[in-house]
Amino acid sequence: MSESTITETSLKAALTERLQAVHVEVTDMSGGCGQSFTSLIVSPTFTGLNSLKRHRAVNAAMKDEIAAIHAWSAKCQTPQEWERDRASRGTEGPPLNGTVQGRVEGVDA
């Protein structure tokens, strides 16, 4: 997959299909240049897996895409975990830690 074809939409579609995800959110953190993404992936396939195994599953499923971008982070949850967390925080969205209003500091859009 070439760098120019990697978008929030293409990543969301690939994650949904490859991980049987029931909910996926992807945010381009690079100001639109498609080089840094964060995601929230909710999939029943994560049930019974610890955090490391969940991330390994995502990395294996997204190997080509991850190799073509600069930075990638993923929050992986089961549907039950996602519902619990969503109810407790009252908001949705991928983690935006280390950003300024959802953008990587120092990146011009």
N, C-alpha and C. Protein backbone atom coordinates (compact mmCIF):
# COMPACT_ATOMS: atom_id res chain seq x y z
N MET A 1 0.85 -1.18 0.00
CA MET A 1 0.00 0.00 0.00
C MET A 1 0.89 1.23 0.00
N SER A 2 0.67 2.16 -0.91
CA SER A 2 1.49 3.36 -0.96
C SER A 2 1.03 4.36 0.08
N GLU A 3 1.94 5.27 0.43
CA GLU A 3 1.64 6.24 1.47
C GLU A 3 0.43 7.09 1.11
N SER A 4 0.30 7.44 -0.19
CA SER A 4 -0.77 8.35 -0.59
C SER A 4 -2.16 7.74 -0.44
N THR A 5 -2.26 6.42 -0.34
CA THR A 5 -3.57 5.80 -0.22
C THR A 5 -3.97 5.55 1.22
N ILE A 6 -3.10 5.87 2.17
CA ILE A 6 -3.42 5.64 3.57
C ILE A 6 -4.13 6.87 4.12
N THR A 7 -5.38 6.64 4.50
CA THR A 7 -6.22 7.71 5.04
C THR A 7 -6.96 7.19 6.26
N GLU A 8 -7.62 8.08 6.96
CA GLU A 8 -8.46 7.65 8.08
C GLU A 8 -9.48 6.63 7.58
N THR A 9 -10.08 6.90 6.45
CA THR A 9 -11.12 6.03 5.90
C THR A 9 -10.57 4.66 5.51
N SER A 10 -9.40 4.63 4.85
CA SER A 10 -8.85 3.34 4.43
C SER A 10 -8.40 2.51 5.64
N LEU A 11 -7.84 3.16 6.64
CA LEU A 11 -7.45 2.44 7.84
C LEU A 11 -8.66 1.89 8.58
N LYS A 12 -9.70 2.71 8.67
CA LYS A 12 -10.93 2.26 9.35
C LYS A 12 -11.52 1.05 8.65
N ALA A 13 -11.58 1.08 7.33
CA ALA A 13 -12.13 -0.05 6.57
C ALA A 13 -11.29 -1.31 6.77
N ALA A 14 -9.97 -1.17 6.73
CA ALA A 14 -9.09 -2.33 6.90
C ALA A 14 -9.22 -2.91 8.31
N LEU A 15 -9.24 -2.06 9.32
CA LEU A 15 -9.38 -2.54 10.70
C LEU A 15 -10.71 -3.25 10.91
N THR A 16 -11.77 -2.68 10.38
CA THR A 16 -13.10 -3.26 10.52
C THR A 16 -13.14 -4.65 9.89
N GLU A 17 -12.61 -4.76 8.69
CA GLU A 17 -12.65 -6.04 7.98
C GLU A 17 -11.71 -7.08 8.59
N ARG A 18 -10.49 -6.70 8.83
CA ARG A 18 -9.47 -7.67 9.25
C ARG A 18 -9.58 -8.11 10.70
N LEU A 19 -10.16 -7.27 11.55
CA LEU A 19 -10.28 -7.60 12.97
C LEU A 19 -11.72 -7.81 13.40
N GLN A 20 -12.64 -7.88 12.44
CA GLN A 20 -14.06 -8.02 12.74
C GLN A 20 -14.51 -7.01 13.79
N ALA A 21 -14.00 -5.78 13.64
CA ALA A 21 -14.29 -4.73 14.62
C ALA A 21 -15.74 -4.26 14.51
N VAL A 22 -16.34 -4.01 15.65
CA VAL A 22 -17.71 -3.51 15.70
C VAL A 22 -17.74 -1.98 15.79
N HIS A 23 -16.60 -1.40 16.13
CA HIS A 23 -16.48 0.06 16.19
C HIS A 23 -15.01 0.41 15.98
N VAL A 24 -14.75 1.35 15.07
CA VAL A 24 -13.39 1.81 14.81
C VAL A 24 -13.42 3.32 14.64
N GLU A 25 -12.48 3.98 15.29
CA GLU A 25 -12.27 5.41 15.10
C GLU A 25 -10.80 5.61 14.79
N VAL A 26 -10.51 6.35 13.74
CA VAL A 26 -9.13 6.64 13.35
C VAL A 26 -9.00 8.15 13.19
N THR A 27 -7.93 8.70 13.74
CA THR A 27 -7.68 10.13 13.62
C THR A 27 -6.28 10.35 13.05
N ASP A 28 -6.21 11.16 11.99
CA ASP A 28 -4.92 11.55 11.40
C ASP A 28 -4.34 12.64 12.29
N MET A 29 -3.26 12.33 12.97
CA MET A 29 -2.63 13.26 13.91
C MET A 29 -1.58 14.13 13.25
N SER A 30 -1.36 13.93 11.95
CA SER A 30 -0.26 14.61 11.26
C SER A 30 -0.70 15.86 10.52
N GLY A 31 -1.86 16.35 10.80
CA GLY A 31 -2.32 17.55 10.12
C GLY A 31 -2.77 17.29 8.69
N GLY A 32 -3.09 16.05 8.38
CA GLY A 32 -3.61 15.72 7.06
C GLY A 32 -2.62 15.12 6.10
N CYS A 33 -1.36 14.98 6.50
CA CYS A 33 -0.38 14.42 5.55
C CYS A 33 -0.36 12.89 5.57
N GLY A 34 -1.11 12.26 6.47
CA GLY A 34 -1.23 10.82 6.47
C GLY A 34 -0.03 10.06 6.97
N GLN A 35 0.70 10.62 7.93
CA GLN A 35 1.89 9.97 8.44
C GLN A 35 1.81 9.58 9.90
N SER A 36 0.77 10.00 10.60
CA SER A 36 0.65 9.69 12.03
C SER A 36 -0.83 9.51 12.35
N PHE A 37 -1.16 8.33 12.88
CA PHE A 37 -2.55 8.01 13.17
C PHE A 37 -2.70 7.44 14.57
N THR A 38 -3.82 7.74 15.18
CA THR A 38 -4.21 7.10 16.43
C THR A 38 -5.58 6.48 16.20
N SER A 39 -5.84 5.40 16.94
CA SER A 39 -7.09 4.69 16.68
C SER A 39 -7.68 4.09 17.95
N LEU A 40 -8.96 3.87 17.88
CA LEU A 40 -9.71 3.12 18.87
C LEU A 40 -10.35 1.97 18.11
N ILE A 41 -10.03 0.74 18.53
CA ILE A 41 -10.53 -0.44 17.85
C ILE A 41 -11.30 -1.29 18.85
N VAL A 42 -12.56 -1.54 18.55
CA VAL A 42 -13.41 -2.35 19.42
C VAL A 42 -13.76 -3.62 18.67
N SER A 43 -13.29 -4.75 19.21
CA SER A 43 -13.51 -6.02 18.52
C SER A 43 -13.70 -7.15 19.51
N PRO A 44 -14.66 -8.02 19.23
CA PRO A 44 -14.83 -9.20 20.09
C PRO A 44 -13.64 -10.16 20.00
N THR A 45 -12.82 -10.02 18.96
CA THR A 45 -11.64 -10.90 18.85
C THR A 45 -10.61 -10.60 19.93
N PHE A 46 -10.73 -9.47 20.62
CA PHE A 46 -9.81 -9.12 21.71
C PHE A 46 -10.17 -9.79 23.03
N THR A 47 -11.35 -10.40 23.09
CA THR A 47 -11.80 -11.04 24.33
C THR A 47 -10.82 -12.12 24.75
N GLY A 48 -10.39 -12.06 26.00
CA GLY A 48 -9.47 -13.05 26.54
C GLY A 48 -8.00 -12.78 26.24
N LEU A 49 -7.70 -11.73 25.47
CA LEU A 49 -6.32 -11.39 25.16
C LEU A 49 -5.84 -10.25 26.03
N ASN A 50 -4.59 -10.32 26.47
CA ASN A 50 -4.04 -9.19 27.22
C ASN A 50 -3.66 -8.08 26.24
N SER A 51 -3.25 -6.95 26.76
CA SER A 51 -2.95 -5.78 25.93
C SER A 51 -1.88 -6.08 24.87
N LEU A 52 -0.83 -6.75 25.25
CA LEU A 52 0.24 -7.06 24.31
C LEU A 52 -0.26 -7.92 23.15
N LYS A 53 -1.05 -8.94 23.44
CA LYS A 53 -1.57 -9.81 22.39
C LYS A 53 -2.56 -9.07 21.49
N ARG A 54 -3.32 -8.15 22.05
CA ARG A 54 -4.24 -7.34 21.25
C ARG A 54 -3.45 -6.49 20.26
N HIS A 55 -2.42 -5.82 20.76
CA HIS A 55 -1.61 -4.97 19.89
C HIS A 55 -0.85 -5.77 18.84
N ARG A 56 -0.40 -6.94 19.20
CA ARG A 56 0.24 -7.80 18.21
C ARG A 56 -0.73 -8.21 17.11
N ALA A 57 -1.97 -8.48 17.47
CA ALA A 57 -2.98 -8.84 16.48
C ALA A 57 -3.23 -7.67 15.53
N VAL A 58 -3.33 -6.46 16.08
CA VAL A 58 -3.53 -5.28 15.24
C VAL A 58 -2.32 -5.07 14.33
N ASN A 59 -1.13 -5.13 14.90
CA ASN A 59 0.08 -4.91 14.10
C ASN A 59 0.21 -5.95 12.99
N ALA A 60 -0.14 -7.19 13.26
CA ALA A 60 -0.09 -8.22 12.23
C ALA A 60 -1.11 -7.95 11.13
N ALA A 61 -2.31 -7.55 11.52
CA ALA A 61 -3.37 -7.28 10.55
C ALA A 61 -3.08 -6.05 9.69
N MET A 62 -2.32 -5.10 10.25
CA MET A 62 -2.08 -3.83 9.58
C MET A 62 -0.61 -3.65 9.18
N LYS A 63 0.10 -4.74 9.01
CA LYS A 63 1.54 -4.72 8.78
C LYS A 63 1.95 -3.78 7.64
N ASP A 64 1.33 -3.90 6.49
CA ASP A 64 1.71 -3.08 5.34
C ASP A 64 1.44 -1.60 5.56
N GLU A 65 0.28 -1.30 6.13
CA GLU A 65 -0.08 0.10 6.38
C GLU A 65 0.85 0.72 7.41
N ILE A 66 1.13 0.00 8.49
CA ILE A 66 1.99 0.53 9.55
C ILE A 66 3.40 0.78 9.01
N ALA A 67 3.87 -0.09 8.13
CA ALA A 67 5.21 0.07 7.56
C ALA A 67 5.32 1.33 6.69
N ALA A 68 4.20 1.80 6.16
CA ALA A 68 4.21 2.93 5.24
C ALA A 68 3.99 4.28 5.91
N ILE A 69 3.72 4.29 7.21
CA ILE A 69 3.49 5.55 7.91
C ILE A 69 4.55 5.76 8.98
N HIS A 70 4.59 6.94 9.53
CA HIS A 70 5.61 7.29 10.52
C HIS A 70 5.24 6.86 11.93
N ALA A 71 4.00 7.07 12.32
CA ALA A 71 3.60 6.78 13.70
C ALA A 71 2.20 6.19 13.75
N TRP A 72 2.03 5.25 14.67
CA TRP A 72 0.76 4.53 14.81
C TRP A 72 0.52 4.21 16.27
N SER A 73 -0.65 4.51 16.77
CA SER A 73 -1.02 4.06 18.11
C SER A 73 -2.44 3.53 18.07
N ALA A 74 -2.70 2.55 18.92
CA ALA A 74 -4.01 1.92 18.92
C ALA A 74 -4.45 1.65 20.35
N LYS A 75 -5.70 1.94 20.61
CA LYS A 75 -6.35 1.52 21.85
C LYS A 75 -7.27 0.39 21.46
N CYS A 76 -7.07 -0.77 22.07
CA CYS A 76 -7.82 -1.98 21.70
C CYS A 76 -8.74 -2.38 22.84
N GLN A 77 -10.03 -2.50 22.55
CA GLN A 77 -11.00 -2.87 23.58
C GLN A 77 -11.98 -3.91 23.06
N THR A 78 -12.51 -4.69 24.00
CA THR A 78 -13.63 -5.56 23.68
C THR A 78 -14.89 -4.69 23.67
N PRO A 79 -15.97 -5.17 23.09
CA PRO A 79 -17.22 -4.39 23.13
C PRO A 79 -17.65 -4.06 24.56
N GLN A 80 -17.48 -5.00 25.48
CA GLN A 80 -17.87 -4.77 26.88
C GLN A 80 -17.02 -3.67 27.52
N GLU A 81 -15.72 -3.68 27.27
CA GLU A 81 -14.84 -2.64 27.82
C GLU A 81 -15.18 -1.28 27.25
N TRP A 82 -15.46 -1.25 25.96
CA TRP A 82 -15.78 0.02 25.30
C TRP A 82 -17.07 0.60 25.87
N GLU A 83 -18.10 -0.23 26.02
CA GLU A 83 -19.37 0.26 26.59
C GLU A 83 -19.17 0.77 28.01
N ARG A 84 -18.40 0.04 28.82
CA ARG A 84 -18.13 0.46 30.20
C ARG A 84 -17.40 1.81 30.22
N ASP A 85 -16.35 1.93 29.43
CA ASP A 85 -15.57 3.18 29.42
C ASP A 85 -16.35 4.34 28.85
N ARG A 86 -17.12 4.07 27.81
CA ARG A 86 -17.91 5.13 27.19
C ARG A 86 -18.94 5.66 28.17
N ALA A 87 -19.56 4.77 28.91
CA ALA A 87 -20.55 5.19 29.90
C ALA A 87 -19.92 6.00 31.01
N SER A 88 -18.70 5.64 31.40
CA SER A 88 -18.06 6.33 32.52
C SER A 88 -17.50 7.69 32.12
N ARG A 89 -17.04 7.85 30.87
CA ARG A 89 -16.46 9.13 30.49
C ARG A 89 -17.41 10.02 29.70
N GLY A 90 -18.43 9.42 29.11
CA GLY A 90 -19.43 10.20 28.40
C GLY A 90 -18.99 10.73 27.05
N THR A 91 -17.83 10.31 26.55
CA THR A 91 -17.37 10.76 25.24
C THR A 91 -16.85 9.59 24.45
N GLU A 92 -16.71 9.79 23.16
CA GLU A 92 -16.14 8.78 22.29
C GLU A 92 -14.87 9.34 21.68
N GLY A 93 -14.08 8.48 21.12
CA GLY A 93 -12.93 8.92 20.37
C GLY A 93 -11.67 8.17 20.73
N PRO A 94 -10.73 8.20 19.79
CA PRO A 94 -9.46 7.55 20.06
C PRO A 94 -8.65 8.37 21.05
N PRO A 95 -7.65 7.76 21.66
CA PRO A 95 -6.82 8.50 22.61
C PRO A 95 -6.05 9.60 21.90
N LEU A 96 -5.99 10.78 22.50
CA LEU A 96 -5.28 11.90 21.90
C LEU A 96 -4.13 12.37 22.79
N ASN A 97 -3.61 11.48 23.61
CA ASN A 97 -2.50 11.81 24.49
C ASN A 97 -1.32 12.30 23.68
N GLY A 98 -0.61 13.31 24.19
CA GLY A 98 0.56 13.83 23.51
C GLY A 98 0.24 14.75 22.35
N THR A 99 -1.00 15.24 22.30
CA THR A 99 -1.39 16.12 21.21
C THR A 99 -1.88 17.45 21.76
N VAL A 100 -2.00 18.40 20.87
CA VAL A 100 -2.61 19.68 21.18
C VAL A 100 -3.87 19.76 20.34
N GLN A 101 -5.02 19.60 20.96
CA GLN A 101 -6.32 19.60 20.28
C GLN A 101 -6.35 18.61 19.11
N GLY A 102 -5.79 17.41 19.35
CA GLY A 102 -5.83 16.36 18.34
C GLY A 102 -4.78 16.46 17.26
N ARG A 103 -3.84 17.35 17.40
CA ARG A 103 -2.75 17.49 16.42
C ARG A 103 -1.42 17.29 17.13
N VAL A 104 -0.48 16.71 16.41
CA VAL A 104 0.86 16.55 16.95
C VAL A 104 1.51 17.92 16.97
N GLU A 105 2.02 18.30 18.12
CA GLU A 105 2.63 19.62 18.26
C GLU A 105 3.81 19.77 17.30
N GLY A 106 3.87 20.94 16.63
CA GLY A 106 4.94 21.21 15.71
C GLY A 106 4.67 20.80 14.28
N VAL A 107 3.49 20.25 14.00
CA VAL A 107 3.13 19.85 12.64
C VAL A 107 2.17 20.88 12.07
N ASP A 108 2.54 21.42 10.92
CA ASP A 108 1.67 22.39 10.26
C ASP A 108 0.77 21.69 9.27
N ALA A 109 -0.50 22.08 9.27
CA ALA A 109 -1.45 21.47 8.34
C ALA A 109 -1.57 22.32 7.11
